[in-house]
Structures are given as structure tokens and as C-alpha cells.
Amino acid sequence: MRDDLARSVLDKLLDWTDQESSDWVAELATMASYKFDDYEGFSAGERFFERLARWLAQFSDPSDRRRLVDFVRRELVFISRNEMNQAISCVYPHYIKPMLAERAAHQIGVPEYLRYRVVSDTAFKILRRKTVFLGLSDGARLDQLRRSSAELSHEQFSLTSELGNHAQQSMVAKLREAIGALGGDGHDPAFEMVVFVDDFYGSGTSLINQRDDGTWRGKLPRACDHIQALASAEVPVIVENPAVVIVLYVASSQAKSHIELMLAEFQPTWKLVVVQELPQHLKTVASDLLRICDEFFDPTMEDKHKGSVPRGYMDAALPVVLFHNTPNNSISPLWADTEFEPDSLKKRALFPRYERHHADRP
């Protein structure tokens, strides 16, 4: 009933023909059922068509409304939970396992054309067990990564923030037991490969960036300090100079280029893997849409972390929504909601974002 009411409102808001109404609503209904209704940032009971009608109603120009509907139909990239799970399921078999096989083959001298056989060798199995996966945030979704990596032990996964002394001792003890069970008693019980994992980056600056004074900031410099501390602990958890891989489930080409540029100076031996790269051509460049973004953005959304970002943080201008939240690298009409903010313009975003930094949560 609420969807039907919202669709009747759309008929009043949009100057479309009967044929366009039929075709466009059918397309949007399919996407709402398949993806949009599942956006986790909607309030309880809220659905896409209701949100769409309220979103469009705040734009006074009918041509702008029509352009925005066309944008949603043709340009919006909505990454669903199932699609994210698919990217996660590729991480171990398609990226990490081949890296481990290559390292094990080099260790035991297996020629390249026979490397497929190395996965049954003890050297590979020990190296696989001596690999640890560390989540850089809750978005790493280590629970899903564990389930999609059946060859790995539960003890090989942890958030970096959870590796306290007790967790370190437990991981070392269980690694020692596992190595013994695999027949590798002569091996040190310390991890040789570290895989850092996270879900999405639109610009890459929060992962790693360099300040004007040459010092480093971001999750990776902090993670580097963390593994150095684990390597120098009284009972080392990680070997000195481990192999390090950074796995991002989804990232824009802008973010990938930035991270690779920074890593070339910060830690040139670290490898970056992006499972799903969002190509540069997705970036919103149409002048009419950029004008709408500039007019839409509410200055109330400005803060010391991102500044004024009508076209997205770092002007990324992405047309991207993730099922659980909308990146602030996307264009502002998608996420920059101030409907319930005091002293604001009461802007309603299509997929309102939950902000990590907020004045009410210092």
C-alpha cells in the first residue's frame, strides 16, 4: 500500500509519459525488490519507493527530478550484501592461495610448471597455517571471510584491535600445536604472512596518507606499528619482516592508485589486492548532476574530517551505495541527510549515511 501511494506521488512529481511511467516504475520496482529495499540505513519499515518520492519532492525543478530518476536507473551502483559476499569468497582461493603456493614452491624448489602440485606438500600446509588475517575495521567482515576460506583455521583471523596479550599467547600456542600436527616441529610458531583486510575505499586517504611534514597517517601506518610490536614481543607472534598483503573487497580506481603510490614509498614490498575495482569512468562528471550536488549540499554536514563535500570526499563523485552504508566519497544527494539535524536545511538523502564522526558523538 505504501509503495502504491509513493508511486502515485511519483506520477505527480515527474513529467513522464504513460509509457515512461510504466517502463521506469517496472525497472525501479525490480531493483527495489532485488537490492534497494535492503539498504540497512533506512529506518524501520521504510522502503525504497517511499524514500524516492520524498527525496524527489525536495527538488523544485521537474527537469532535475527527471534527471535524478534517470541517474538512479542508469548510473547508480548499489553493492548488495550478496555481491559483497561474492567478493569476499574470492579472497582466499583466487588471491591468497596462489601467493602461498608460489612462496612454498620457491622454498622447496618446485619448478613453475609443477606448482599446482605444491598445495599437497607439507611446506605449503605449514606456510598456509602460518598466515594470519587481520581486519582493519568491522567492515572486514572476518566472519564471512572465515566461512568462505574452509582450508583455514578459525585461529588465523582477528581484528587488529583485538590482539591483546591473551589473544597473542593463545594464537602462538595453537599455531605451535598445528605446526606439530603437520609434521613441522622445526618451524618457529610465528606467522610469516600477514593479510590486512577491509571492505571499501573511495579515495584511500584514510588507509594511508602522508602529511606535509613527511610523517604517515592512516590505518596502514598504525597496522605497521602493530605488527612490529608483535614481532618484537617476548614471545613473537609474527616473524620479522613478514610478507604483507592488503586486501580490499571493493575500491575505486582513484583509491587504488593513491594507495599504490603511497605504498611505493612507505612499504614497497607490501602488496595490494583489490577484488572489485570500480573503474574511473563511473565517476560522475555530467554538469547537470554536479550542479544538483552543489545546490543540494547542506553546510551543516561540514566538519573538520571531510570539509565541504557536495561532490563527495576528495571530489571522488562516486555513484556508489553499499548495502550497509553510503560512502561519503559518493555524490551528496545520495548520502548527505540533514533531515533531523538542528539548524539545518532539512535535506533528505536517498540512501542516508550513518556518519562515523558526528558532533553529538565526540
Protein backbone atom coordinates (compact mmCIF):
# COMPACT_ATOMS: atom_id res chain seq x y z
CA MET A 1 0.00 0.00 0.00
CA ARG A 2 2.78 2.45 0.91
CA ASP A 3 4.63 1.61 -2.33
CA ASP A 4 1.46 2.23 -4.34
CA LEU A 5 0.99 5.59 -2.65
CA ALA A 6 4.63 6.50 -3.32
CA ARG A 7 4.21 5.59 -6.99
CA SER A 8 1.15 7.81 -7.30
CA VAL A 9 3.22 10.65 -5.82
CA LEU A 10 5.91 9.98 -8.43
CA ASP A 11 3.30 10.39 -11.16
CA LYS A 12 2.66 13.91 -9.85
CA LEU A 13 6.33 14.77 -9.44
CA LEU A 14 7.59 13.60 -12.83
CA ASP A 15 6.59 14.83 -16.26
CA TRP A 16 6.78 11.41 -17.86
CA THR A 17 4.59 9.79 -20.45
CA ASP A 18 2.38 6.81 -19.65
CA GLN A 19 4.87 4.55 -21.40
CA GLU A 20 7.80 6.01 -19.46
CA SER A 21 5.87 5.66 -16.22
CA SER A 22 5.19 2.02 -16.95
CA ASP A 23 8.75 1.22 -18.03
CA TRP A 24 10.58 3.24 -15.40
CA VAL A 25 8.46 2.08 -12.48
CA ALA A 26 8.88 -1.52 -13.59
CA GLU A 27 12.68 -1.08 -13.66
CA LEU A 28 12.78 0.64 -10.30
CA ALA A 29 10.45 -1.95 -8.76
CA THR A 30 12.75 -4.73 -9.90
CA MET A 31 15.80 -3.01 -8.40
CA ALA A 32 13.91 -2.17 -5.21
CA SER A 33 12.98 -5.81 -4.76
CA TYR A 34 16.42 -7.08 -5.73
CA LYS A 35 18.55 -4.52 -3.87
CA PHE A 36 17.31 -1.10 -2.80
CA ASP A 37 14.73 -2.16 -0.18
CA ASP A 38 17.51 -3.96 1.68
CA TYR A 39 19.52 -0.82 2.38
CA GLU A 40 20.36 -1.04 6.08
CA GLY A 41 20.41 2.73 6.54
CA PHE A 42 16.65 3.03 6.07
CA SER A 43 14.58 3.49 9.21
CA ALA A 44 12.47 0.57 10.43
CA GLY A 45 9.75 -0.25 7.92
CA GLU A 46 10.97 2.27 5.34
CA ARG A 47 11.11 1.16 1.71
CA PHE A 48 12.81 2.46 -1.40
CA PHE A 49 9.79 3.90 -3.28
CA GLU A 50 8.69 5.87 -0.24
CA ARG A 51 12.21 7.23 0.16
CA LEU A 52 12.48 8.03 -3.56
CA ALA A 53 9.24 10.05 -3.59
CA ARG A 54 10.26 12.08 -0.53
CA TRP A 55 13.73 12.61 -1.99
CA LEU A 56 12.47 13.89 -5.34
CA ALA A 57 9.83 16.14 -3.75
CA GLN A 58 12.50 18.49 -2.37
CA PHE A 59 13.76 19.37 -5.87
CA SER A 60 11.61 22.15 -7.35
CA ASP A 61 12.67 21.82 -10.99
CA PRO A 62 10.83 18.96 -12.79
CA SER A 63 13.79 18.50 -15.13
CA ASP A 64 16.08 17.94 -12.12
CA ARG A 65 13.69 15.30 -10.77
CA ARG A 66 13.65 13.54 -14.12
CA ARG A 67 17.45 13.67 -14.33
CA LEU A 68 17.80 12.16 -10.86
CA VAL A 69 15.45 9.29 -11.66
CA ASP A 70 17.45 8.64 -14.81
CA PHE A 71 20.61 8.65 -12.69
CA VAL A 72 19.15 6.05 -10.34
CA ARG A 73 18.05 3.90 -13.25
CA ARG A 74 21.23 4.05 -15.31
CA GLU A 75 24.22 5.18 -13.25
CA LEU A 76 23.75 4.22 -9.61
CA VAL A 77 25.96 1.36 -8.43
CA PHE A 78 24.38 -0.43 -5.46
CA ILE A 79 26.56 -3.17 -3.98
CA SER A 80 24.31 -5.68 -2.22
CA ARG A 81 25.19 -7.99 0.65
CA ASN A 82 25.27 -10.96 -1.75
CA GLU A 83 27.63 -9.16 -4.09
CA MET A 84 29.95 -8.22 -1.25
CA ASN A 85 29.89 -11.84 -0.05
CA GLN A 86 30.85 -12.93 -3.55
CA ALA A 87 33.88 -10.63 -3.49
CA ILE A 88 34.84 -11.96 -0.05
CA SER A 89 34.56 -15.57 -1.22
CA CYS A 90 37.20 -14.87 -3.89
CA VAL A 91 39.88 -13.67 -1.49
CA TYR A 92 41.48 -16.91 -0.33
CA PRO A 93 41.10 -19.24 -3.36
CA HIS A 94 41.84 -16.68 -6.07
CA TYR A 95 44.41 -14.38 -4.42
CA ILE A 96 45.98 -15.64 -1.20
CA LYS A 97 46.25 -19.35 -2.02
CA PRO A 98 48.19 -18.74 -5.27
CA MET A 99 50.57 -16.43 -3.37
CA LEU A 100 51.15 -19.11 -0.74
CA ALA A 101 51.70 -21.75 -3.43
CA GLU A 102 54.27 -19.53 -5.14
CA ARG A 103 56.16 -18.98 -1.86
CA ALA A 104 56.06 -22.67 -0.96
CA ALA A 105 57.21 -23.69 -4.44
CA HIS A 106 60.15 -21.31 -4.14
CA GLN A 107 61.05 -22.75 -0.72
CA ILE A 108 61.13 -26.38 -1.89
CA GLY A 109 62.43 -25.74 -5.40
CA VAL A 110 59.41 -26.88 -7.40
CA PRO A 111 59.52 -25.57 -11.00
CA GLU A 112 56.82 -23.19 -12.10
CA TYR A 113 55.04 -25.63 -14.41
CA LEU A 114 54.52 -28.06 -11.49
CA ARG A 115 53.38 -25.54 -8.90
CA TYR A 116 49.83 -26.89 -8.88
CA ARG A 117 51.24 -29.93 -7.04
CA VAL A 118 52.70 -27.90 -4.20
CA VAL A 119 49.34 -27.49 -2.43
CA SER A 120 49.56 -31.09 -1.21
CA ASP A 121 53.08 -30.60 0.17
CA THR A 122 53.74 -30.15 3.88
CA ALA A 123 55.67 -26.95 3.20
CA PHE A 124 52.57 -25.38 1.68
CA LYS A 125 50.32 -26.55 4.51
CA ILE A 126 52.66 -25.13 7.15
CA LEU A 127 53.00 -21.81 5.31
CA ARG A 128 49.21 -21.66 4.94
CA ARG A 129 48.80 -22.17 8.70
CA LYS A 130 51.44 -19.50 9.35
CA THR A 131 49.28 -16.88 7.62
CA VAL A 132 47.19 -14.52 9.73
CA PHE A 133 44.25 -12.38 8.56
CA LEU A 134 43.83 -9.09 10.41
CA GLY A 135 40.76 -6.93 9.90
CA LEU A 136 41.36 -3.19 9.74
CA SER A 137 37.76 -2.40 10.71
CA ASP A 138 34.39 -4.03 11.29
CA GLY A 139 33.91 -3.80 7.53
CA ALA A 140 36.49 -6.56 7.09
CA ARG A 141 33.65 -9.00 7.83
CA LEU A 142 36.03 -11.64 9.11
CA ASP A 143 33.12 -13.94 9.94
CA GLN A 144 32.21 -14.20 6.26
CA LEU A 145 35.86 -14.47 5.22
CA ARG A 146 36.35 -17.38 7.66
CA ARG A 147 33.32 -19.22 6.31
CA SER A 148 34.47 -18.80 2.71
CA SER A 149 38.02 -19.99 3.50
CA ALA A 150 37.34 -23.54 4.65
CA GLU A 151 41.01 -24.61 4.44
CA LEU A 152 41.99 -22.11 7.13
CA SER A 153 41.72 -22.29 10.91
CA HIS A 154 39.45 -20.07 12.97
CA GLU A 155 42.60 -19.08 14.89
CA GLN A 156 44.02 -17.30 11.84
CA PHE A 157 41.52 -14.42 11.94
CA SER A 158 41.37 -11.40 14.22
CA LEU A 159 40.73 -7.68 14.25
CA THR A 160 43.94 -5.77 14.90
CA SER A 161 42.26 -4.09 17.87
CA GLU A 162 41.56 -7.48 19.49
CA LEU A 163 45.13 -8.79 19.53
CA GLY A 164 45.86 -8.20 23.19
CA ASN A 165 48.35 -10.24 25.25
CA HIS A 166 45.97 -13.11 25.93
CA ALA A 167 44.97 -13.39 22.27
CA GLN A 168 48.62 -13.30 21.21
CA GLN A 169 49.60 -16.10 23.59
CA SER A 170 46.64 -18.18 22.51
CA MET A 171 47.41 -17.76 18.81
CA VAL A 172 51.06 -18.72 19.30
CA ALA A 173 50.18 -21.79 21.39
CA LYS A 174 47.65 -23.05 18.86
CA LEU A 175 49.98 -22.30 15.96
CA ARG A 176 52.67 -24.40 17.66
CA GLU A 177 50.21 -27.28 18.05
CA ALA A 178 49.08 -27.02 14.44
CA ILE A 179 52.64 -26.98 13.09
CA GLY A 180 53.44 -30.06 15.17
CA ALA A 181 50.38 -31.85 13.82
CA LEU A 182 51.53 -31.05 10.28
CA GLY A 183 54.98 -32.52 10.96
CA GLY A 184 56.83 -29.24 11.09
CA ASP A 185 58.33 -29.38 14.59
CA GLY A 186 61.42 -27.45 13.49
CA HIS A 187 59.40 -24.38 12.45
CA ASP A 188 59.09 -21.33 14.69
CA PRO A 189 55.49 -20.79 15.89
CA ALA A 190 55.21 -17.31 14.39
CA PHE A 191 53.20 -16.07 11.44
CA GLU A 192 55.12 -15.47 8.21
CA MET A 193 52.39 -13.81 6.14
CA VAL A 194 50.05 -11.05 7.29
CA VAL A 195 46.90 -10.27 5.31
CA PHE A 196 45.21 -6.99 6.21
CA VAL A 197 41.57 -6.89 5.15
CA ASP A 198 38.97 -4.14 4.73
CA ASP A 199 35.78 -3.62 2.74
CA PHE A 200 35.73 -0.34 0.78
CA TYR A 201 37.82 2.71 -0.06
CA GLY A 202 36.77 5.58 -2.29
CA SER A 203 39.87 7.78 -2.01
CA GLY A 204 42.30 5.66 0.02
CA THR A 205 43.48 8.55 2.20
CA SER A 206 42.09 7.09 5.42
CA LEU A 207 44.03 3.89 4.74
CA ILE A 208 47.34 5.65 4.15
CA ASN A 209 48.42 9.22 3.51
CA GLN A 210 51.44 11.43 4.04
CA ARG A 211 51.33 14.67 5.99
CA ASP A 212 53.06 17.83 4.84
CA ASP A 213 55.91 17.17 7.28
CA GLY A 214 56.55 13.74 5.72
CA THR A 215 55.06 11.66 8.52
CA TRP A 216 52.48 8.99 7.82
CA ARG A 217 48.88 8.67 8.94
CA GLY A 218 46.07 6.19 8.37
CA LYS A 219 45.20 2.60 9.19
CA LEU A 220 48.21 1.05 7.48
CA PRO A 221 50.89 3.03 9.35
CA ARG A 222 49.16 2.09 12.61
CA ALA A 223 48.93 -1.53 11.47
CA CYS A 224 52.64 -1.47 10.60
CA ASP A 225 53.47 -0.34 14.14
CA HIS A 226 51.23 -3.13 15.44
CA ILE A 227 52.94 -5.96 13.57
CA GLN A 228 56.36 -4.59 14.50
CA ALA A 229 55.29 -4.77 18.14
CA LEU A 230 54.05 -8.34 17.63
CA ALA A 231 57.36 -9.28 16.02
CA SER A 232 59.40 -7.82 18.89
CA ALA A 233 57.26 -9.24 21.70
CA GLU A 234 58.84 -11.50 24.31
CA VAL A 235 57.15 -14.40 22.54
CA PRO A 236 57.00 -13.22 18.90
CA VAL A 237 53.64 -13.65 17.22
CA ILE A 238 54.91 -12.57 13.78
CA VAL A 239 58.35 -13.04 12.24
CA GLU A 240 60.49 -10.03 11.49
CA ASN A 241 59.80 -8.67 8.00
CA PRO A 242 56.76 -10.82 7.22
CA ALA A 243 55.16 -10.89 3.80
CA VAL A 244 52.26 -8.40 3.92
CA VAL A 245 49.22 -8.27 1.65
CA ILE A 246 46.44 -5.67 1.83
CA VAL A 247 43.12 -6.99 0.54
CA LEU A 248 40.26 -4.60 -0.20
CA TYR A 249 36.98 -6.12 -1.26
CA VAL A 250 35.94 -3.01 -3.23
CA ALA A 251 37.86 0.17 -4.10
CA SER A 252 37.68 2.91 -6.67
CA SER A 253 40.46 3.26 -9.22
CA GLN A 254 41.27 6.60 -7.57
CA ALA A 255 41.76 4.86 -4.21
CA LYS A 256 43.82 2.04 -5.72
CA SER A 257 46.16 4.48 -7.48
CA HIS A 258 46.59 6.56 -4.31
CA ILE A 259 47.32 3.53 -2.11
CA GLU A 260 49.83 2.08 -4.58
CA LEU A 261 51.58 5.45 -4.81
CA MET A 262 51.83 5.73 -1.02
CA LEU A 263 52.95 2.12 -0.54
CA ALA A 264 55.76 2.58 -3.06
CA GLU A 265 57.37 4.91 -0.55
CA PHE A 266 56.03 3.60 2.76
CA GLN A 267 56.46 -0.17 2.36
CA PRO A 268 57.37 -1.07 -1.23
CA THR A 269 57.33 -4.84 -0.58
CA TRP A 270 53.70 -4.83 0.61
CA LYS A 271 51.20 -5.99 -1.99
CA LEU A 272 47.77 -4.51 -2.66
CA VAL A 273 44.85 -6.65 -3.87
CA VAL A 274 41.55 -5.08 -4.92
CA VAL A 275 38.96 -7.76 -5.57
CA GLN A 276 36.45 -5.43 -7.26
CA GLU A 277 37.87 -2.23 -8.69
CA LEU A 278 35.38 0.50 -9.58
CA PRO A 279 36.68 1.98 -12.86
CA GLN A 280 37.34 5.66 -13.32
CA HIS A 281 34.55 6.03 -15.89
CA LEU A 282 31.96 5.53 -13.13
CA LYS A 283 32.84 8.94 -11.69
CA THR A 284 30.01 11.45 -12.02
CA VAL A 285 31.09 14.14 -14.49
CA ALA A 286 27.81 15.34 -16.03
CA SER A 287 27.49 19.08 -15.44
CA ASP A 288 23.76 18.96 -14.64
CA LEU A 289 24.29 16.35 -11.92
CA LEU A 290 27.26 18.19 -10.44
CA ARG A 291 25.18 21.37 -10.30
CA ILE A 292 22.44 19.48 -8.43
CA CYS A 293 25.07 18.17 -6.00
CA ASP A 294 26.42 21.65 -5.32
CA GLU A 295 22.92 23.04 -4.74
CA PHE A 296 21.88 20.10 -2.56
CA PHE A 297 24.74 20.00 -0.06
CA ASP A 298 23.88 21.36 3.36
CA PRO A 299 26.76 23.25 5.10
CA THR A 300 25.59 21.60 8.33
CA MET A 301 27.35 18.46 7.05
CA GLU A 302 30.76 20.13 7.07
CA ASP A 303 33.23 19.04 9.72
CA LYS A 304 36.98 19.01 10.34
CA HIS A 305 37.33 15.50 8.94
CA LYS A 306 35.86 15.97 5.47
CA GLY A 307 35.10 19.69 5.00
CA SER A 308 32.57 20.71 2.34
CA VAL A 309 31.96 17.72 0.07
CA PRO A 310 28.96 18.26 -2.24
CA ARG A 311 30.61 16.02 -4.83
CA GLY A 312 31.95 13.54 -2.31
CA TYR A 313 35.07 13.45 -0.18
CA MET A 314 38.19 14.26 -2.22
CA ASP A 315 35.82 15.11 -5.10
CA ALA A 316 35.55 11.39 -5.83
CA ALA A 317 31.99 11.94 -7.18
CA LEU A 318 31.13 8.25 -6.95
CA PRO A 319 27.62 6.98 -7.75
CA VAL A 320 28.06 4.18 -5.20
CA VAL A 321 25.90 2.84 -2.37
CA LEU A 322 26.92 -0.11 -0.17
CA PHE A 323 24.14 -2.22 1.34
CA HIS A 324 25.05 -1.22 4.90
CA ASN A 325 26.05 2.44 4.39
CA THR A 326 26.74 5.00 1.67
CA PRO A 327 30.35 6.19 1.30
CA ASN A 328 30.93 9.90 1.75
CA ASN A 329 33.01 9.66 -1.43
CA SER A 330 29.71 9.43 -3.30
CA ILE A 331 27.79 12.46 -4.54
CA SER A 332 26.00 14.22 -1.69
CA PRO A 333 22.32 13.75 -2.75
CA LEU A 334 22.82 10.03 -2.17
CA TRP A 335 24.02 10.23 1.45
CA ALA A 336 24.20 13.74 2.99
CA ASP A 337 21.00 13.67 5.05
CA THR A 338 20.26 16.53 7.49
CA GLU A 339 16.52 15.97 7.92
CA PHE A 340 16.82 15.64 11.69
CA GLU A 341 19.81 17.90 12.25
CA PRO A 342 19.15 21.12 14.23
CA ASP A 343 19.64 24.43 12.39
CA SER A 344 19.94 22.64 9.05
CA LEU A 345 18.31 22.89 5.63
CA LYS A 346 16.49 19.57 6.31
CA LYS A 347 17.88 17.83 3.26
CA ARG A 348 16.69 14.28 2.62
CA ALA A 349 19.22 11.93 1.05
CA LEU A 350 18.13 8.92 -0.97
CA PHE A 351 20.32 6.48 1.00
CA PRO A 352 21.15 8.34 4.24
CA ARG A 353 24.60 7.69 5.63
CA TYR A 354 25.50 6.83 9.19
CA GLU A 355 28.39 9.17 9.92
CA ARG A 356 31.34 7.76 11.83
CA HIS A 357 32.22 11.25 13.09
CA HIS A 358 29.43 13.36 14.49
CA ALA A 359 29.27 16.38 16.79
CA ASP A 360 26.87 14.52 19.09
CA ARG A 361 29.36 11.63 19.42
CA PRO A 362 32.64 13.39 20.27
